[in-house]
Amino acid sequence: MTLLEVIRKRYSCRSYQDRPIEQEKLDSLFEAARLAPSAKNTQDWRFVVVTDKATKHQVAETTNRPQVFEKAGVIIAACSNSDDVMRCGQAIGPIDIAIALEHIALQAAELGLATCWIGSFCTEKVRTILGIPDDIAIIELMAVGYPADSPKQPSREPIEKIVCYEKWQF
């Protein structure tokens, strides 16, 4: 499968089989994340991987779709231990985490797994449940598991609407 085929295969899964993910597949996901680029090569990402059913239930309850996410094989809490800002003014934590999570999402698609970014969650409840220190930013959650639904590809803008060359021409 080519990289573009994997990218096309990736989707936001909204229904998971209640099935664990094999350790070798989890290792592969986090190897993909480990290889992601990061600002100043800080590699500031830290991942809390929740596999225990009771803990997944608690974490899922902090989200907008608990009945969906608790069935996923894992829920990942993606955290940053950096408060550095790039010269362009952007915080590195959210950007580095986004890159690493997308590496996970693409590797998951390659392995026959599905993912869903979860931005709607109660940070402080997750912090308490997972024992994440106050000085660590919880950037995003991600559900990963075997899909119980079929990919639903949202419509995409044509390239000419999102790309111009040399100067702003929108």
N, C-alpha and C. Protein backbone atom coordinates (compact mmCIF):
# COMPACT_ATOMS: atom_id res chain seq x y z
N MET A 1 0.85 -1.17 0.00
CA MET A 1 0.00 0.00 0.00
C MET A 1 0.90 1.24 0.00
N THR A 2 0.58 2.17 -0.87
CA THR A 2 1.37 3.41 -0.91
C THR A 2 0.95 4.32 0.25
N LEU A 3 1.77 5.31 0.53
CA LEU A 3 1.44 6.25 1.60
C LEU A 3 0.13 6.97 1.31
N LEU A 4 -0.08 7.39 0.07
CA LEU A 4 -1.32 8.08 -0.26
C LEU A 4 -2.53 7.15 -0.07
N GLU A 5 -2.38 5.88 -0.35
CA GLU A 5 -3.47 4.92 -0.11
C GLU A 5 -3.77 4.81 1.40
N VAL A 6 -2.73 4.79 2.21
CA VAL A 6 -2.92 4.75 3.67
C VAL A 6 -3.63 6.03 4.13
N ILE A 7 -3.21 7.17 3.60
CA ILE A 7 -3.85 8.44 3.96
C ILE A 7 -5.32 8.42 3.58
N ARG A 8 -5.63 7.89 2.40
CA ARG A 8 -7.04 7.80 1.98
C ARG A 8 -7.83 6.82 2.83
N LYS A 9 -7.17 5.81 3.36
CA LYS A 9 -7.82 4.78 4.19
C LYS A 9 -8.15 5.30 5.59
N ARG A 10 -7.40 6.24 6.10
CA ARG A 10 -7.59 6.77 7.45
C ARG A 10 -8.89 7.55 7.53
N TYR A 11 -9.63 7.32 8.59
CA TYR A 11 -10.88 8.06 8.80
C TYR A 11 -11.15 8.17 10.28
N SER A 12 -12.09 9.00 10.66
CA SER A 12 -12.46 9.15 12.06
C SER A 12 -13.53 8.12 12.40
N CYS A 13 -13.11 7.08 13.09
CA CYS A 13 -13.97 5.95 13.41
C CYS A 13 -14.94 6.32 14.53
N ARG A 14 -16.20 5.94 14.38
CA ARG A 14 -17.21 6.24 15.38
C ARG A 14 -17.84 4.97 15.96
N SER A 15 -17.26 3.80 15.65
CA SER A 15 -17.76 2.54 16.21
C SER A 15 -16.62 1.52 16.21
N TYR A 16 -16.35 0.97 17.39
CA TYR A 16 -15.23 0.05 17.56
C TYR A 16 -15.71 -1.31 18.02
N GLN A 17 -14.99 -2.36 17.60
CA GLN A 17 -15.18 -3.69 18.16
C GLN A 17 -14.61 -3.66 19.59
N ASP A 18 -15.25 -4.35 20.48
CA ASP A 18 -14.76 -4.45 21.86
C ASP A 18 -13.68 -5.54 21.87
N ARG A 19 -12.49 -5.15 21.42
CA ARG A 19 -11.42 -6.12 21.17
C ARG A 19 -10.08 -5.48 21.49
N PRO A 20 -9.22 -6.18 22.22
CA PRO A 20 -7.91 -5.60 22.54
C PRO A 20 -7.02 -5.53 21.30
N ILE A 21 -6.04 -4.64 21.39
CA ILE A 21 -5.05 -4.50 20.32
C ILE A 21 -3.79 -5.25 20.76
N GLU A 22 -3.25 -6.04 19.87
CA GLU A 22 -2.05 -6.82 20.16
C GLU A 22 -0.88 -5.89 20.49
N GLN A 23 -0.03 -6.31 21.44
CA GLN A 23 1.09 -5.50 21.89
C GLN A 23 2.02 -5.12 20.75
N GLU A 24 2.26 -6.02 19.81
CA GLU A 24 3.16 -5.70 18.70
C GLU A 24 2.60 -4.59 17.82
N LYS A 25 1.28 -4.52 17.70
CA LYS A 25 0.67 -3.42 16.95
C LYS A 25 0.79 -2.11 17.72
N LEU A 26 0.57 -2.17 19.03
CA LEU A 26 0.75 -0.96 19.85
C LEU A 26 2.19 -0.47 19.76
N ASP A 27 3.14 -1.40 19.84
CA ASP A 27 4.55 -1.03 19.72
C ASP A 27 4.82 -0.33 18.39
N SER A 28 4.20 -0.83 17.33
CA SER A 28 4.38 -0.24 16.01
C SER A 28 3.80 1.18 15.95
N LEU A 29 2.66 1.39 16.59
CA LEU A 29 2.05 2.72 16.62
C LEU A 29 2.99 3.72 17.29
N PHE A 30 3.56 3.32 18.42
CA PHE A 30 4.39 4.26 19.16
C PHE A 30 5.79 4.39 18.56
N GLU A 31 6.21 3.43 17.79
CA GLU A 31 7.45 3.61 17.02
C GLU A 31 7.22 4.68 15.96
N ALA A 32 6.05 4.66 15.32
CA ALA A 32 5.71 5.69 14.33
C ALA A 32 5.70 7.06 15.00
N ALA A 33 5.12 7.16 16.19
CA ALA A 33 5.09 8.44 16.92
C ALA A 33 6.50 8.88 17.29
N ARG A 34 7.32 7.95 17.74
CA ARG A 34 8.68 8.26 18.17
C ARG A 34 9.50 8.85 17.03
N LEU A 35 9.19 8.45 15.82
CA LEU A 35 9.94 8.90 14.64
C LEU A 35 9.42 10.23 14.08
N ALA A 36 8.36 10.77 14.66
CA ALA A 36 7.80 12.04 14.18
C ALA A 36 8.79 13.18 14.41
N PRO A 37 8.75 14.18 13.55
CA PRO A 37 9.59 15.36 13.80
C PRO A 37 9.01 16.18 14.94
N SER A 38 9.88 16.94 15.59
CA SER A 38 9.43 17.85 16.65
C SER A 38 10.28 19.11 16.62
N ALA A 39 9.69 20.21 17.04
CA ALA A 39 10.40 21.49 17.06
C ALA A 39 11.64 21.37 17.94
N LYS A 40 12.76 21.85 17.44
CA LYS A 40 14.04 21.81 18.15
C LYS A 40 14.43 20.39 18.56
N ASN A 41 13.81 19.39 17.93
CA ASN A 41 14.01 17.98 18.26
C ASN A 41 13.79 17.70 19.75
N THR A 42 12.82 18.42 20.33
CA THR A 42 12.56 18.25 21.77
C THR A 42 11.90 16.92 22.11
N GLN A 43 11.20 16.34 21.13
CA GLN A 43 10.50 15.07 21.36
C GLN A 43 9.71 15.16 22.66
N ASP A 44 8.92 16.21 22.76
CA ASP A 44 8.23 16.57 23.99
C ASP A 44 6.95 15.78 24.25
N TRP A 45 6.63 14.83 23.41
CA TRP A 45 5.39 14.08 23.58
C TRP A 45 5.54 13.00 24.66
N ARG A 46 4.46 12.77 25.35
CA ARG A 46 4.34 11.69 26.31
C ARG A 46 2.94 11.12 26.14
N PHE A 47 2.84 9.79 26.09
CA PHE A 47 1.56 9.14 25.82
C PHE A 47 1.18 8.23 26.98
N VAL A 48 -0.01 8.43 27.52
CA VAL A 48 -0.56 7.52 28.50
C VAL A 48 -1.55 6.64 27.75
N VAL A 49 -1.26 5.35 27.70
CA VAL A 49 -2.06 4.41 26.92
C VAL A 49 -2.99 3.65 27.88
N VAL A 50 -4.27 3.82 27.69
CA VAL A 50 -5.26 3.23 28.58
C VAL A 50 -5.87 2.01 27.89
N THR A 51 -5.63 0.84 28.50
CA THR A 51 -6.17 -0.42 27.99
C THR A 51 -7.16 -1.06 28.96
N ASP A 52 -7.04 -0.77 30.23
CA ASP A 52 -7.91 -1.34 31.25
C ASP A 52 -9.35 -0.87 31.03
N LYS A 53 -10.28 -1.83 30.99
CA LYS A 53 -11.68 -1.49 30.67
C LYS A 53 -12.28 -0.47 31.64
N ALA A 54 -12.03 -0.62 32.91
CA ALA A 54 -12.61 0.30 33.89
C ALA A 54 -12.04 1.71 33.71
N THR A 55 -10.74 1.80 33.48
CA THR A 55 -10.11 3.11 33.29
C THR A 55 -10.55 3.72 31.96
N LYS A 56 -10.65 2.89 30.91
CA LYS A 56 -11.15 3.41 29.62
C LYS A 56 -12.55 3.97 29.79
N HIS A 57 -13.38 3.26 30.55
CA HIS A 57 -14.74 3.75 30.80
C HIS A 57 -14.70 5.12 31.47
N GLN A 58 -13.86 5.27 32.48
CA GLN A 58 -13.75 6.55 33.19
C GLN A 58 -13.29 7.66 32.24
N VAL A 59 -12.26 7.39 31.45
CA VAL A 59 -11.75 8.39 30.52
C VAL A 59 -12.81 8.70 29.46
N ALA A 60 -13.44 7.68 28.92
CA ALA A 60 -14.48 7.88 27.91
C ALA A 60 -15.62 8.74 28.45
N GLU A 61 -15.94 8.60 29.72
CA GLU A 61 -17.01 9.38 30.33
C GLU A 61 -16.70 10.88 30.35
N THR A 62 -15.44 11.25 30.17
CA THR A 62 -15.08 12.68 30.13
C THR A 62 -15.26 13.27 28.73
N THR A 63 -15.62 12.43 27.75
CA THR A 63 -15.72 12.85 26.36
C THR A 63 -17.17 13.08 25.95
N ASN A 64 -17.34 13.56 24.73
CA ASN A 64 -18.69 13.79 24.20
C ASN A 64 -19.34 12.52 23.65
N ARG A 65 -18.58 11.42 23.52
CA ARG A 65 -19.14 10.16 22.99
C ARG A 65 -18.64 8.96 23.80
N PRO A 66 -18.97 8.91 25.07
CA PRO A 66 -18.41 7.85 25.90
C PRO A 66 -18.76 6.45 25.43
N GLN A 67 -19.97 6.23 24.95
CA GLN A 67 -20.38 4.90 24.52
C GLN A 67 -19.59 4.42 23.31
N VAL A 68 -19.06 5.33 22.51
CA VAL A 68 -18.23 4.97 21.36
C VAL A 68 -16.80 4.68 21.80
N PHE A 69 -16.21 5.60 22.52
CA PHE A 69 -14.78 5.54 22.79
C PHE A 69 -14.39 4.46 23.80
N GLU A 70 -15.28 4.10 24.72
CA GLU A 70 -14.89 3.08 25.69
C GLU A 70 -14.73 1.70 25.07
N LYS A 71 -15.29 1.48 23.88
CA LYS A 71 -15.15 0.18 23.21
C LYS A 71 -13.86 0.07 22.41
N ALA A 72 -13.19 1.18 22.18
CA ALA A 72 -11.92 1.15 21.44
C ALA A 72 -10.90 0.30 22.21
N GLY A 73 -9.98 -0.27 21.50
CA GLY A 73 -8.94 -1.08 22.15
C GLY A 73 -8.13 -0.29 23.14
N VAL A 74 -7.81 0.95 22.79
CA VAL A 74 -7.09 1.84 23.69
C VAL A 74 -7.60 3.26 23.53
N ILE A 75 -7.41 4.03 24.58
CA ILE A 75 -7.54 5.48 24.49
C ILE A 75 -6.18 6.03 24.89
N ILE A 76 -5.65 6.88 24.06
CA ILE A 76 -4.35 7.49 24.30
C ILE A 76 -4.56 8.92 24.78
N ALA A 77 -3.91 9.26 25.89
CA ALA A 77 -3.85 10.66 26.32
C ALA A 77 -2.50 11.18 25.85
N ALA A 78 -2.53 12.10 24.89
CA ALA A 78 -1.31 12.65 24.30
C ALA A 78 -0.96 13.94 25.02
N CYS A 79 0.20 13.96 25.64
CA CYS A 79 0.61 15.06 26.51
C CYS A 79 1.92 15.66 26.03
N SER A 80 2.13 16.91 26.43
CA SER A 80 3.39 17.60 26.14
C SER A 80 4.01 18.07 27.44
N ASN A 81 5.33 17.90 27.52
CA ASN A 81 6.04 18.36 28.71
C ASN A 81 6.80 19.65 28.44
N SER A 82 6.40 20.36 27.37
CA SER A 82 7.12 21.57 26.99
C SER A 82 6.18 22.77 26.94
N ASP A 83 6.68 23.89 27.37
CA ASP A 83 5.92 25.13 27.18
C ASP A 83 6.71 26.09 26.27
N ASP A 84 7.66 25.53 25.51
CA ASP A 84 8.45 26.33 24.58
C ASP A 84 7.58 26.89 23.46
N VAL A 85 8.00 28.03 22.94
CA VAL A 85 7.33 28.67 21.82
C VAL A 85 8.36 28.84 20.71
N MET A 86 7.93 28.53 19.49
CA MET A 86 8.82 28.71 18.34
C MET A 86 8.97 30.19 18.01
N ARG A 87 9.97 30.51 17.25
CA ARG A 87 10.23 31.90 16.87
C ARG A 87 9.03 32.54 16.16
N CYS A 88 8.24 31.72 15.48
CA CYS A 88 7.06 32.23 14.78
C CYS A 88 5.91 32.54 15.74
N GLY A 89 6.09 32.25 17.03
CA GLY A 89 5.08 32.57 18.02
C GLY A 89 4.15 31.42 18.38
N GLN A 90 4.30 30.27 17.74
CA GLN A 90 3.43 29.13 18.01
C GLN A 90 4.02 28.23 19.10
N ALA A 91 3.17 27.76 19.99
CA ALA A 91 3.60 26.81 21.01
C ALA A 91 3.95 25.49 20.35
N ILE A 92 5.05 24.89 20.78
CA ILE A 92 5.48 23.65 20.12
C ILE A 92 4.67 22.43 20.55
N GLY A 93 4.17 22.43 21.80
CA GLY A 93 3.47 21.25 22.30
C GLY A 93 2.33 20.78 21.43
N PRO A 94 1.33 21.61 21.16
CA PRO A 94 0.20 21.15 20.34
C PRO A 94 0.60 20.72 18.93
N ILE A 95 1.57 21.41 18.37
CA ILE A 95 2.01 21.06 17.01
C ILE A 95 2.74 19.72 17.01
N ASP A 96 3.67 19.56 17.93
CA ASP A 96 4.41 18.29 18.00
C ASP A 96 3.48 17.12 18.28
N ILE A 97 2.52 17.31 19.19
CA ILE A 97 1.57 16.25 19.50
C ILE A 97 0.72 15.92 18.27
N ALA A 98 0.28 16.94 17.54
CA ALA A 98 -0.54 16.70 16.34
C ALA A 98 0.23 15.87 15.32
N ILE A 99 1.50 16.20 15.12
CA ILE A 99 2.30 15.44 14.16
C ILE A 99 2.44 13.99 14.62
N ALA A 100 2.77 13.79 15.89
CA ALA A 100 2.96 12.43 16.41
C ALA A 100 1.66 11.62 16.35
N LEU A 101 0.53 12.26 16.70
CA LEU A 101 -0.74 11.54 16.64
C LEU A 101 -1.12 11.19 15.20
N GLU A 102 -0.80 12.05 14.27
CA GLU A 102 -1.12 11.70 12.88
C GLU A 102 -0.23 10.55 12.40
N HIS A 103 1.01 10.50 12.87
CA HIS A 103 1.85 9.33 12.57
C HIS A 103 1.18 8.07 13.12
N ILE A 104 0.64 8.15 14.34
CA ILE A 104 -0.07 7.01 14.93
C ILE A 104 -1.29 6.65 14.09
N ALA A 105 -2.06 7.65 13.68
CA ALA A 105 -3.28 7.40 12.90
C ALA A 105 -2.96 6.72 11.57
N LEU A 106 -1.90 7.17 10.93
CA LEU A 106 -1.54 6.56 9.64
C LEU A 106 -1.00 5.14 9.82
N GLN A 107 -0.19 4.93 10.85
CA GLN A 107 0.31 3.58 11.11
C GLN A 107 -0.85 2.67 11.48
N ALA A 108 -1.81 3.18 12.24
CA ALA A 108 -2.99 2.39 12.59
C ALA A 108 -3.74 1.96 11.34
N ALA A 109 -3.94 2.89 10.42
CA ALA A 109 -4.64 2.56 9.17
C ALA A 109 -3.89 1.47 8.41
N GLU A 110 -2.58 1.57 8.38
CA GLU A 110 -1.76 0.54 7.72
C GLU A 110 -1.96 -0.83 8.36
N LEU A 111 -2.19 -0.86 9.67
CA LEU A 111 -2.32 -2.12 10.42
C LEU A 111 -3.76 -2.64 10.50
N GLY A 112 -4.70 -1.96 9.83
CA GLY A 112 -6.09 -2.40 9.87
C GLY A 112 -6.85 -1.90 11.09
N LEU A 113 -6.27 -0.93 11.78
CA LEU A 113 -6.93 -0.32 12.93
C LEU A 113 -7.53 1.01 12.50
N ALA A 114 -8.40 1.54 13.34
CA ALA A 114 -9.01 2.84 13.06
C ALA A 114 -8.79 3.74 14.27
N THR A 115 -8.87 5.05 14.04
CA THR A 115 -8.62 6.03 15.09
C THR A 115 -9.68 7.12 15.06
N CYS A 116 -9.72 7.86 16.16
CA CYS A 116 -10.53 9.07 16.19
C CYS A 116 -9.86 10.06 17.13
N TRP A 117 -9.57 11.24 16.62
CA TRP A 117 -9.08 12.33 17.46
C TRP A 117 -10.20 12.74 18.38
N ILE A 118 -9.89 12.98 19.64
CA ILE A 118 -10.91 13.40 20.60
C ILE A 118 -10.45 14.72 21.22
N GLY A 119 -11.11 15.78 20.83
CA GLY A 119 -10.79 17.09 21.38
C GLY A 119 -11.81 17.54 22.40
N SER A 120 -12.94 16.85 22.45
CA SER A 120 -14.00 17.22 23.38
C SER A 120 -13.92 16.31 24.60
N PHE A 121 -13.17 16.77 25.61
CA PHE A 121 -13.02 16.01 26.84
C PHE A 121 -12.73 16.98 27.98
N CYS A 122 -12.94 16.52 29.19
CA CYS A 122 -12.69 17.33 30.37
C CYS A 122 -11.26 17.08 30.83
N THR A 123 -10.39 18.05 30.57
CA THR A 123 -8.96 17.91 30.85
C THR A 123 -8.69 17.57 32.31
N GLU A 124 -9.32 18.28 33.22
CA GLU A 124 -9.00 18.07 34.64
C GLU A 124 -9.47 16.71 35.14
N LYS A 125 -10.57 16.22 34.61
CA LYS A 125 -11.02 14.86 34.98
C LYS A 125 -10.03 13.82 34.46
N VAL A 126 -9.57 13.97 33.21
CA VAL A 126 -8.58 13.04 32.66
C VAL A 126 -7.30 13.11 33.48
N ARG A 127 -6.88 14.30 33.82
CA ARG A 127 -5.67 14.49 34.63
C ARG A 127 -5.76 13.69 35.94
N THR A 128 -6.90 13.79 36.60
CA THR A 128 -7.11 13.09 37.87
C THR A 128 -7.14 11.58 37.67
N ILE A 129 -7.90 11.12 36.69
CA ILE A 129 -8.04 9.68 36.43
C ILE A 129 -6.69 9.04 36.14
N LEU A 130 -5.87 9.71 35.32
CA LEU A 130 -4.61 9.12 34.86
C LEU A 130 -3.40 9.57 35.67
N GLY A 131 -3.61 10.41 36.66
CA GLY A 131 -2.50 10.85 37.50
C GLY A 131 -1.47 11.68 36.77
N ILE A 132 -1.93 12.49 35.83
CA ILE A 132 -1.03 13.34 35.04
C ILE A 132 -0.74 14.61 35.83
N PRO A 133 0.55 14.93 36.03
CA PRO A 133 0.90 16.11 36.84
C PRO A 133 0.37 17.41 36.24
N ASP A 134 0.19 18.40 37.09
CA ASP A 134 -0.34 19.70 36.67
C ASP A 134 0.55 20.42 35.67
N ASP A 135 1.85 20.17 35.68
CA ASP A 135 2.76 20.88 34.78
C ASP A 135 2.86 20.22 33.40
N ILE A 136 2.08 19.19 33.16
CA ILE A 136 2.05 18.50 31.86
C ILE A 136 0.75 18.86 31.16
N ALA A 137 0.85 19.30 29.91
CA ALA A 137 -0.33 19.68 29.13
C ALA A 137 -0.94 18.44 28.48
N ILE A 138 -2.22 18.23 28.71
CA ILE A 138 -2.95 17.17 28.00
C ILE A 138 -3.50 17.82 26.74
N ILE A 139 -2.93 17.47 25.61
CA ILE A 139 -3.26 18.15 24.35
C ILE A 139 -4.48 17.53 23.68
N GLU A 140 -4.54 16.21 23.65
CA GLU A 140 -5.56 15.54 22.85
C GLU A 140 -5.70 14.11 23.35
N LEU A 141 -6.87 13.53 23.14
CA LEU A 141 -7.06 12.10 23.33
C LEU A 141 -7.23 11.48 21.95
N MET A 142 -6.91 10.19 21.84
CA MET A 142 -7.15 9.49 20.59
C MET A 142 -7.61 8.07 20.92
N ALA A 143 -8.74 7.70 20.32
CA ALA A 143 -9.21 6.32 20.40
C ALA A 143 -8.58 5.54 19.27
N VAL A 144 -8.16 4.31 19.58
CA VAL A 144 -7.58 3.42 18.56
C VAL A 144 -8.18 2.04 18.77
N GLY A 145 -8.61 1.42 17.69
CA GLY A 145 -9.14 0.07 17.83
C GLY A 145 -9.51 -0.54 16.50
N TYR A 146 -10.08 -1.73 16.60
CA TYR A 146 -10.58 -2.40 15.41
C TYR A 146 -11.95 -1.81 15.08
N PRO A 147 -12.13 -1.35 13.86
CA PRO A 147 -13.39 -0.67 13.51
C PRO A 147 -14.57 -1.64 13.45
N ALA A 148 -15.72 -1.14 13.86
CA ALA A 148 -16.98 -1.86 13.71
C ALA A 148 -17.87 -1.14 12.71
N ASP A 149 -17.34 -0.09 12.10
CA ASP A 149 -18.09 0.65 11.08
C ASP A 149 -17.27 0.67 9.80
N SER A 150 -17.78 1.34 8.82
CA SER A 150 -17.07 1.48 7.55
C SER A 150 -16.59 2.91 7.40
N PRO A 151 -15.50 3.09 6.68
CA PRO A 151 -14.99 4.46 6.49
C PRO A 151 -16.05 5.36 5.85
N LYS A 152 -16.16 6.55 6.38
CA LYS A 152 -17.04 7.57 5.81
C LYS A 152 -16.15 8.76 5.50
N GLN A 153 -15.81 8.90 4.26
CA GLN A 153 -14.91 9.98 3.86
C GLN A 153 -15.70 11.27 3.68
N PRO A 154 -15.35 12.28 4.45
CA PRO A 154 -16.03 13.57 4.27
C PRO A 154 -15.62 14.19 2.95
N SER A 155 -16.45 15.08 2.45
CA SER A 155 -16.08 15.76 1.21
C SER A 155 -14.85 16.63 1.47
N ARG A 156 -14.07 16.81 0.47
CA ARG A 156 -12.84 17.60 0.57
C ARG A 156 -12.87 18.71 -0.46
N GLU A 157 -12.29 19.83 -0.08
CA GLU A 157 -12.19 20.97 -0.99
C GLU A 157 -11.27 20.61 -2.16
N PRO A 158 -11.53 21.17 -3.35
CA PRO A 158 -10.62 20.95 -4.47
C PRO A 158 -9.28 21.64 -4.18
N ILE A 159 -8.22 21.10 -4.73
CA ILE A 159 -6.87 21.62 -4.49
C ILE A 159 -6.78 23.11 -4.80
N GLU A 160 -7.39 23.53 -5.90
CA GLU A 160 -7.27 24.95 -6.27
C GLU A 160 -7.92 25.89 -5.26
N LYS A 161 -8.78 25.37 -4.39
CA LYS A 161 -9.38 26.20 -3.37
C LYS A 161 -8.49 26.32 -2.13
N ILE A 162 -7.51 25.42 -1.97
CA ILE A 162 -6.67 25.44 -0.77
C ILE A 162 -5.20 25.73 -1.03
N VAL A 163 -4.81 25.79 -2.30
CA VAL A 163 -3.39 25.99 -2.64
C VAL A 163 -3.24 27.11 -3.66
N CYS A 164 -2.31 28.01 -3.40
CA CYS A 164 -1.89 28.98 -4.40
C CYS A 164 -0.37 29.05 -4.35
N TYR A 165 0.22 29.62 -5.35
CA TYR A 165 1.68 29.66 -5.43
C TYR A 165 2.19 31.10 -5.43
N GLU A 166 3.30 31.28 -4.79
CA GLU A 166 4.08 32.52 -4.75
C GLU A 166 3.48 33.61 -3.87
N LYS A 167 2.20 33.92 -4.02
CA LYS A 167 1.55 34.94 -3.20
C LYS A 167 0.13 34.52 -2.88
N TRP A 168 -0.43 35.11 -1.82
CA TRP A 168 -1.81 34.84 -1.43
C TRP A 168 -2.73 35.23 -2.57
N GLN A 169 -3.53 34.27 -3.06
CA GLN A 169 -4.42 34.51 -4.18
C GLN A 169 -5.83 33.98 -3.93
N PHE A 170 -6.22 33.96 -2.69
CA PHE A 170 -7.56 33.42 -2.38
C PHE A 170 -8.59 34.52 -2.33
